[in-house]
Protein backbone atom coordinates (compact mmCIF):
# COMPACT_ATOMS: atom_id res chain seq x y z
CA MET A 1 19.06 1.58 34.11
CA ASP A 2 17.12 3.00 37.05
CA LYS A 3 13.93 0.96 37.61
CA ARG A 4 11.99 4.12 38.49
CA VAL A 5 11.88 4.91 34.80
CA TYR A 6 9.24 2.19 34.44
CA LEU A 7 7.10 4.00 37.00
CA LEU A 8 7.16 7.03 34.73
CA THR A 9 6.18 4.74 31.86
CA ILE A 10 2.94 4.04 33.75
CA VAL A 11 2.30 7.78 33.80
CA SER A 12 2.74 8.13 30.03
CA PHE A 13 0.67 4.96 29.52
CA VAL A 14 -2.24 6.42 31.48
CA VAL A 15 -2.12 9.69 29.56
CA GLY A 16 -1.99 7.80 26.25
CA VAL A 17 -5.00 5.67 27.17
CA VAL A 18 -7.07 8.70 28.15
CA GLU A 19 -6.30 10.41 24.84
CA LEU A 20 -7.01 7.39 22.64
CA ILE A 21 -9.75 5.49 24.49
CA ILE A 22 -12.60 7.70 23.29
CA GLY A 23 -12.09 6.55 19.70
CA GLY A 24 -12.90 2.95 20.60
CA ILE A 25 -16.12 3.70 22.47
CA LEU A 26 -17.52 6.62 20.48
CA ASP A 27 -20.76 4.85 19.63
CA ILE A 28 -21.42 3.82 23.24
CA ILE A 29 -20.81 7.35 24.51
CA ALA A 30 -22.96 8.88 21.77
CA ILE A 31 -25.92 6.64 22.59
CA ASP A 32 -25.63 7.09 26.37
CA LEU A 33 -25.26 10.88 26.29
CA GLY A 34 -27.73 11.39 23.47
CA VAL A 35 -25.36 12.98 20.94
CA SER A 36 -24.28 12.13 17.42
CA ILE A 37 -21.12 10.19 16.53
CA GLY A 38 -19.67 13.40 15.11
CA ALA A 39 -20.30 15.29 18.35
CA ALA A 40 -18.73 12.47 20.35
CA GLY A 41 -15.72 12.66 18.03
CA LEU A 42 -15.18 16.26 19.10
CA LEU A 43 -14.12 14.86 22.48
CA ILE A 44 -10.96 13.67 20.69
CA THR A 45 -10.56 16.97 18.85
CA VAL A 46 -10.77 19.13 21.97
CA PHE A 47 -8.40 16.87 23.91
CA SER A 48 -5.76 17.03 21.20
CA ILE A 49 -6.02 20.79 20.72
CA VAL A 50 -5.70 21.45 24.45
CA PHE A 51 -2.86 18.92 24.69
CA ALA A 52 -0.93 20.52 21.82
CA LEU A 53 -1.33 24.13 22.93
CA SER A 54 -1.08 23.79 26.70
CA ALA A 55 2.18 21.81 26.94
CA PRO A 56 4.61 24.58 25.89
CA ILE A 57 2.60 27.26 27.70
CA LEU A 58 2.32 25.37 30.98
CA LEU A 59 6.01 24.48 30.84
CA VAL A 60 6.88 28.19 30.76
CA VAL A 61 4.29 29.17 33.40
CA THR A 62 5.49 26.49 35.83
CA ALA A 63 9.20 27.01 35.12
CA LYS A 64 10.11 27.86 38.73
CA ILE A 65 8.30 24.97 40.42
CA GLU A 66 10.37 22.00 41.61
CA ARG A 67 9.78 19.11 39.16
CA LYS A 68 8.65 16.36 41.57
CA LYS A 69 6.22 18.72 43.27
CA LEU A 70 4.88 19.85 39.90
CA THR A 71 4.47 16.24 38.78
CA LEU A 72 2.39 15.44 41.87
CA ILE A 73 0.25 18.53 41.32
CA SER A 74 -0.28 17.57 37.67
CA ILE A 75 -1.23 13.99 38.56
CA THR A 76 -3.71 15.27 41.13
CA VAL A 77 -5.37 17.57 38.58
CA PHE A 78 -5.35 14.71 36.06
CA LEU A 79 -7.06 12.45 38.62
CA VAL A 80 -9.73 15.08 39.20
CA GLY A 81 -10.39 15.10 35.46
CA ILE A 82 -10.78 11.31 35.42
CA VAL A 83 -13.19 11.42 38.36
CA VAL A 84 -15.28 13.98 36.47
CA ALA A 85 -15.37 11.58 33.50
CA VAL A 86 -16.51 8.66 35.67
CA PHE A 87 -19.40 10.68 37.08
CA SER A 88 -20.28 12.51 33.85
CA THR A 89 -23.98 12.40 33.09
CA THR A 90 -23.92 14.98 30.31
CA TYR A 91 -21.85 15.70 27.23
CA THR A 92 -20.71 19.01 28.75
CA MET A 93 -19.35 17.32 31.88
CA LEU A 94 -17.39 14.84 29.80
CA MET A 95 -16.01 17.66 27.65
CA ILE A 96 -14.84 19.49 30.79
CA SER A 97 -13.14 16.26 31.88
CA ARG A 98 -11.34 16.06 28.55
CA ILE A 99 -10.04 19.62 28.89
CA ILE A 100 -8.74 19.00 32.42
CA THR A 101 -7.03 15.72 31.56
CA ALA A 102 -5.54 17.07 28.32
CA ALA A 103 -3.92 20.10 29.96
CA SER A 104 -2.54 18.18 32.93
CA GLY A 105 -1.66 15.15 30.80
CA SER A 106 0.42 17.20 28.35
CA LEU A 107 2.49 18.53 31.22
CA LEU A 108 2.77 15.06 32.77
CA VAL A 109 4.35 13.60 29.63
CA LEU A 110 6.97 16.36 29.47
CA LEU A 111 7.67 16.05 33.20
CA SER A 112 8.02 12.27 32.91
CA LEU A 113 10.66 12.76 30.24
CA THR A 114 12.45 15.31 32.46
CA LEU A 115 12.40 13.04 35.50
CA ALA A 116 13.52 10.02 33.46
CA SER A 117 16.49 11.84 31.96
CA ASN A 118 17.57 13.09 35.40
CA ILE A 119 17.42 9.86 37.39
CA VAL A 120 19.59 7.78 35.04
CA GLN A 121 23.24 7.97 34.11
CA GLU A 122 23.98 9.97 30.98
CA ARG A 123 24.72 6.89 28.88
CA TYR A 124 21.19 5.59 29.60
CA ARG A 125 19.39 8.90 28.97
CA ALA A 126 18.19 8.19 25.43
CA ARG A 127 17.07 4.71 26.45
CA ALA A 128 15.15 6.10 29.43
CA ILE A 129 13.33 8.60 27.23
CA GLY A 130 12.52 5.79 24.80
CA VAL A 131 11.10 3.66 27.62
CA VAL A 132 8.82 6.51 28.72
CA PHE A 133 7.54 6.85 25.15
CA MET A 134 6.88 3.11 25.19
CA GLY A 135 4.12 3.87 27.67
CA ILE A 136 2.23 5.72 24.96
CA SER A 137 2.92 2.87 22.53
CA ALA A 138 1.65 0.36 25.09
CA SER A 139 -1.52 2.41 25.54
CA LEU A 140 -2.23 1.88 21.85
CA VAL A 141 -1.53 -1.86 22.01
CA LEU A 142 -3.14 -2.71 25.35
CA GLY A 143 -5.04 0.28 26.68
CA VAL A 144 -7.46 0.88 23.81
CA PRO A 145 -8.45 -2.80 23.24
CA VAL A 146 -8.82 -3.45 26.98
CA GLY A 147 -10.78 -0.24 27.40
CA LEU A 148 -12.95 -1.22 24.44
CA MET A 149 -13.73 -4.62 25.96
CA LEU A 150 -14.53 -3.05 29.34
CA GLY A 151 -16.69 -0.45 27.66
CA ASN A 152 -18.66 -3.06 25.72
CA ALA A 153 -19.11 -5.23 28.84
CA PHE A 154 -19.75 -2.65 31.58
CA GLY A 155 -20.42 0.67 29.88
CA TRP A 156 -18.15 3.49 28.68
CA ARG A 157 -17.34 4.67 32.23
CA ALA A 158 -15.64 1.37 33.16
CA PRO A 159 -12.34 2.14 31.33
CA PHE A 160 -12.11 5.45 33.20
CA VAL A 161 -12.49 3.62 36.52
CA LEU A 162 -9.50 1.47 35.56
CA ILE A 163 -7.55 4.59 34.54
CA MET A 164 -8.42 6.20 37.87
CA GLY A 165 -6.85 3.24 39.72
CA LEU A 166 -3.69 3.37 37.60
CA THR A 167 -3.42 7.12 38.19
CA VAL A 168 -3.52 6.62 41.96
CA ILE A 169 -0.76 4.00 41.69
CA ALA A 170 1.36 6.39 39.61
CA MET A 171 0.80 9.19 42.11
CA LEU A 172 1.87 7.06 45.07
CA GLY A 173 4.91 5.82 43.15
CA VAL A 174 6.11 9.32 42.29
CA TYR A 175 5.55 10.48 45.86
CA MET A 176 7.43 7.55 47.43
CA PHE A 177 10.28 6.91 45.01
CA MET A 178 11.10 10.09 43.09
CA GLU A 179 13.59 12.63 44.36
CA PRO A 180 13.19 16.42 44.08
CA ILE A 181 14.65 17.88 40.87
CA LYS A 182 15.42 21.55 40.36
CA PRO A 183 13.75 23.17 37.34
CA LYS A 184 15.78 24.33 34.35
CA PRO A 185 15.22 27.65 32.54
CA PRO A 186 12.73 27.05 29.71
CA ILE A 187 13.20 28.32 26.15
CA PRO A 188 10.83 31.30 25.62
CA LEU A 189 7.90 30.63 23.31
CA ARG A 190 8.92 33.45 20.98
CA VAL A 191 12.28 31.76 20.42
CA GLN A 192 10.58 28.41 19.73
CA LEU A 193 8.21 29.94 17.17
CA ARG A 194 10.96 31.92 15.43
CA THR A 195 12.56 28.67 14.29
CA LEU A 196 9.55 28.17 12.01
CA LYS A 197 10.78 31.02 9.81
CA ASP A 198 12.99 28.40 8.18
CA ARG A 199 10.88 27.03 5.29
CA LYS A 200 12.50 23.62 5.56
CA ILE A 201 11.45 23.30 9.20
CA LEU A 202 7.99 24.82 8.73
CA MET A 203 7.13 22.47 5.86
CA ALA A 204 8.42 19.45 7.78
CA GLN A 205 6.18 20.34 10.72
CA CYS A 206 3.29 20.89 8.29
CA ALA A 207 3.95 17.45 6.79
CA SER A 208 3.60 15.85 10.24
CA PHE A 209 0.43 17.84 10.90
CA LEU A 210 -1.15 16.86 7.58
CA PHE A 211 -0.09 13.21 7.94
CA LEU A 212 -1.83 12.87 11.32
CA THR A 213 -4.83 14.81 10.01
CA GLY A 214 -5.26 12.27 7.23
CA HIS A 215 -4.68 9.33 9.54
CA LEU A 216 -7.14 10.43 12.24
CA THR A 217 -9.84 11.27 9.71
CA LEU A 218 -10.34 7.50 9.55
CA TYR A 219 -8.69 6.15 12.70
CA ALA A 220 -10.74 8.33 15.08
CA TYR A 221 -13.85 6.69 13.65
CA LEU A 222 -12.48 3.20 13.16
CA THR A 223 -15.12 1.66 15.44
CA PRO A 224 -18.16 2.87 13.43
CA PHE A 225 -16.27 2.03 10.23
CA LEU A 226 -15.63 -1.52 11.42
CA LYS A 227 -19.20 -2.00 12.60
CA THR A 228 -21.16 -0.39 9.77
CA ILE A 229 -18.92 -0.89 6.74
CA VAL A 230 -16.95 -4.05 7.57
CA GLY A 231 -19.79 -5.55 9.64
CA LEU A 232 -17.75 -6.63 12.66
CA SER A 233 -19.18 -7.38 16.11
CA GLY A 234 -17.91 -5.89 19.37
CA THR A 235 -15.42 -8.73 19.99
CA TRP A 236 -13.99 -8.52 16.49
CA VAL A 237 -13.67 -4.76 16.83
CA SER A 238 -11.49 -5.30 19.91
CA ILE A 239 -9.38 -7.84 18.00
CA ALA A 240 -8.98 -5.38 15.12
CA TYR A 241 -7.77 -2.66 17.50
CA LEU A 242 -5.33 -5.11 19.09
CA LEU A 243 -3.90 -6.07 15.69
CA PHE A 244 -3.64 -2.42 14.71
CA GLY A 245 -1.87 -1.56 17.97
CA PHE A 246 0.77 -4.26 17.65
CA ALA A 247 1.32 -3.28 14.02
CA ALA A 248 1.72 0.40 14.95
CA VAL A 249 4.33 -0.29 17.63
CA ALA A 250 6.22 -2.63 15.28
CA GLY A 251 6.01 0.08 12.65
CA GLY A 252 7.83 2.53 14.90
CA GLY A 253 10.81 0.19 15.06
CA ILE A 254 10.66 -0.60 11.36
CA GLY A 255 10.54 3.10 10.52
CA GLY A 256 13.71 3.67 12.54
CA VAL A 257 15.51 0.84 10.73
CA ILE A 258 14.42 2.16 7.33
CA ALA A 259 15.57 5.69 8.20
CA ASP A 260 18.96 4.41 9.42
CA ARG A 261 19.53 2.25 6.34
CA PHE A 262 18.25 4.47 3.55
CA GLY A 263 18.35 7.92 5.13
CA SER A 264 15.57 10.01 6.65
CA LYS A 265 14.53 11.74 3.40
CA PRO A 266 13.91 8.61 1.27
CA ALA A 267 12.28 6.97 4.30
CA ILE A 268 9.81 9.83 4.82
CA ILE A 269 8.89 10.03 1.13
CA GLY A 270 8.50 6.26 0.84
CA ILE A 271 6.44 5.88 4.02
CA ILE A 272 4.06 8.75 3.21
CA THR A 273 3.57 7.44 -0.34
CA ALA A 274 2.88 3.88 0.85
CA PHE A 275 0.58 5.16 3.60
CA GLY A 276 -1.40 7.22 1.10
CA ILE A 277 -1.87 4.23 -1.21
CA THR A 278 -2.95 2.06 1.72
CA ILE A 279 -5.56 4.45 3.10
CA PHE A 280 -7.06 4.98 -0.38
CA VAL A 281 -7.28 1.19 -0.85
CA ILE A 282 -8.94 0.43 2.51
CA PRO A 283 -12.59 1.02 1.43
CA TYR A 284 -12.15 -1.47 -1.42
CA THR A 285 -10.95 -4.28 0.85
CA THR A 286 -14.02 -4.53 3.07
CA VAL A 287 -15.56 -7.25 0.88
CA SER A 288 -13.06 -9.74 2.33
CA LEU A 289 -12.28 -9.73 6.08
CA PRO A 290 -8.84 -11.43 5.75
CA LEU A 291 -7.83 -8.97 3.01
CA PHE A 292 -9.08 -6.02 5.05
CA LEU A 293 -7.18 -7.14 8.16
CA VAL A 294 -3.95 -7.51 6.17
CA VAL A 295 -4.31 -4.01 4.71
CA MET A 296 -5.28 -2.65 8.14
CA ILE A 297 -2.11 -4.12 9.66
CA VAL A 298 -0.02 -2.46 6.93
CA TRP A 299 -1.90 0.79 7.60
CA GLY A 300 -1.11 0.45 11.31
CA MET A 301 2.59 -0.18 10.71
CA LEU A 302 2.94 2.79 8.38
CA SER A 303 1.05 5.10 10.74
CA TRP A 304 3.91 5.08 13.24
CA SER A 305 6.79 4.40 10.87
CA ILE A 306 6.93 8.09 9.99
CA THR A 307 7.78 9.27 13.53
CA PRO A 308 11.43 8.17 13.91
CA ALA A 309 12.22 9.16 10.32
CA MET A 310 10.72 12.64 10.76
CA GLN A 311 12.48 13.18 14.10
CA SER A 312 15.77 12.17 12.50
CA TYR A 313 15.13 14.55 9.61
CA LEU A 314 14.37 17.47 11.95
CA ILE A 315 17.62 16.84 13.85
CA GLU A 316 19.55 16.80 10.56
CA ALA A 317 17.77 19.88 9.21
CA ALA A 318 18.12 21.98 12.36
CA PRO A 319 20.73 20.49 14.72
CA GLU A 320 21.05 23.80 16.56
CA SER A 321 17.35 23.72 17.53
CA SER A 322 16.67 19.98 17.62
CA ASP A 323 15.18 20.04 21.14
CA ILE A 324 12.78 22.81 20.16
CA GLN A 325 11.77 20.98 16.99
CA GLN A 326 10.91 17.80 18.88
CA GLY A 327 8.57 19.79 21.13
CA LEU A 328 7.00 21.62 18.19
CA ASN A 329 6.63 18.36 16.32
CA ASN A 330 4.73 16.90 19.27
CA SER A 331 2.36 19.88 19.10
CA ALA A 332 2.02 19.48 15.33
CA LEU A 333 1.09 15.82 15.73
CA HIS A 334 -1.60 16.55 18.31
CA LEU A 335 -3.01 19.41 16.26
CA GLY A 336 -3.20 16.91 13.41
CA ILE A 337 -5.12 14.52 15.65
CA ALA A 338 -7.53 17.33 16.53
CA CYS A 339 -7.99 18.42 12.93
CA GLY A 340 -8.38 14.88 11.61
CA SER A 341 -10.97 13.88 14.19
CA SER A 342 -12.89 17.10 13.51
CA ILE A 343 -12.85 16.63 9.72
CA GLY A 344 -13.83 12.98 10.17
CA ALA A 345 -16.84 14.12 12.19
CA ILE A 346 -17.91 16.46 9.38
CA VAL A 347 -17.60 13.66 6.81
CA ILE A 348 -19.76 11.35 8.93
CA GLU A 349 -22.39 14.02 9.57
CA ARG A 350 -22.69 15.15 5.95
CA ALA A 351 -21.97 11.92 4.09
CA SER A 352 -20.94 8.54 5.54
CA VAL A 353 -18.04 6.98 7.44
CA GLU A 354 -17.41 5.05 4.23
CA TYR A 355 -15.77 8.20 2.78
CA ASN A 356 -13.49 8.97 5.73
CA ALA A 357 -10.60 6.97 4.28
CA THR A 358 -10.75 8.77 0.95
CA VAL A 359 -10.89 12.22 2.56
CA GLY A 360 -8.01 11.22 4.82
CA GLY A 361 -6.02 10.15 1.77
CA LEU A 362 -6.32 13.64 0.30
CA PHE A 363 -4.52 15.05 3.33
CA ILE A 364 -1.77 12.45 2.90
CA ILE A 365 -1.21 13.82 -0.61
CA LEU A 366 -0.88 17.31 0.89
CA SER A 367 1.56 15.91 3.45
CA LEU A 368 3.69 14.49 0.65
CA GLY A 369 3.64 17.88 -1.08
CA ALA A 370 4.78 19.63 2.12
CA THR A 371 7.57 17.07 2.42
CA PHE A 372 8.87 17.84 -1.07
CA LEU A 373 8.76 21.58 -0.32
CA SER A 374 10.73 20.99 2.88
CA MET A 375 13.38 18.91 1.15
CA LYS A 376 13.77 21.25 -1.80
CA LYS A 377 17.23 22.78 -1.73
CA VAL A 378 17.37 26.30 -0.36
CA LYS A 379 20.07 28.73 0.63
CA LYS A 380 21.89 27.53 3.74
CA GLU A 381 20.58 29.03 6.93
CA ASN A 382 22.69 30.64 9.61
CA THR A 383 23.57 27.88 12.09
CA ALA A 384 23.85 30.41 14.87
CA PHE A 385 20.14 31.19 14.64
CA ILE A 386 19.11 29.93 18.04
CA LYS A 387 21.98 31.50 19.90
CA GLN A 388 21.22 34.88 18.36
CA ASN A 389 17.53 34.68 19.21
CA THR A 390 18.18 33.43 22.69
CA SER A 391 20.55 36.29 23.42
CA ALA A 392 18.06 38.69 21.96
């Protein structure tokens, strides 16, 4: 496989770190900028909303721009956003940075996938795409804990300085080693949205949205939960994030194995059910650190186990629009991140972080309900749906 794919993995890694790093240093940012934990949590919400909504729009708007050139432009804009973060002295400046990096980062991930699939032979295409996605996985395993340690040692701006350096490396790599790639005609947004008329597809996307909403209601505020409820110090918080990250990445592989062996439908139902039980149990395990860490690892594994099973289900449910569904599912996931972090902020402001897990669990129940509605047998849809809408 072409080694340049790993360069694109750095790009996805950087974007993943920028999206997730705020969650680990919320308390530090809140104290330094003079805002509440809930307000700091909105930095995650805004990033995810912009990320989810801008990706399909920007892809259409920039359809005629050569892909390498567009990638370099996107990285440059992304770098500007990081620089703004490093020099932010107010909450507003940091929020502007989040908007800039989210919009450019969403396009960068899609462009990285496009470049990766074009520079390798066809038989390596799926593997190349998987390697690029590993960058986001790696950001969860390495980026967030490292950023957390840097933030605790040198202040919350230190992780963004590291990200700035990695972004420059990625920019130089794309400029020096990537070849120009002609753009392909994008699928109009109206055609993408029309696929949601199928109840099976709409409910599946809703299930993903609700699942991430429930997950992020707690995960976005894991640091204050670990410090105030579990009573962990800064070093132990970093260790907890590291354990969670490794568990999450392992969970992605386990979820794929489960889906292959038992089928996507039983896998999705089983994973969501187990995840719901786990998140409801978490508050009752804080009396024992070893017990809590074990449950947290299970929580981490289940949090990513759903992804391969859901993607497989969407391909089975709508093979004629599978590419569209993957893009829409990505948007659904990020909207879930935005909604979950926002709801988590409300819970903290009006009650306590102790209740975030329980509130998150309620959304997991709704996710399970949406899953059952999606899998309920309905009249067979016309398989020529996409072709008809495209021609229209």
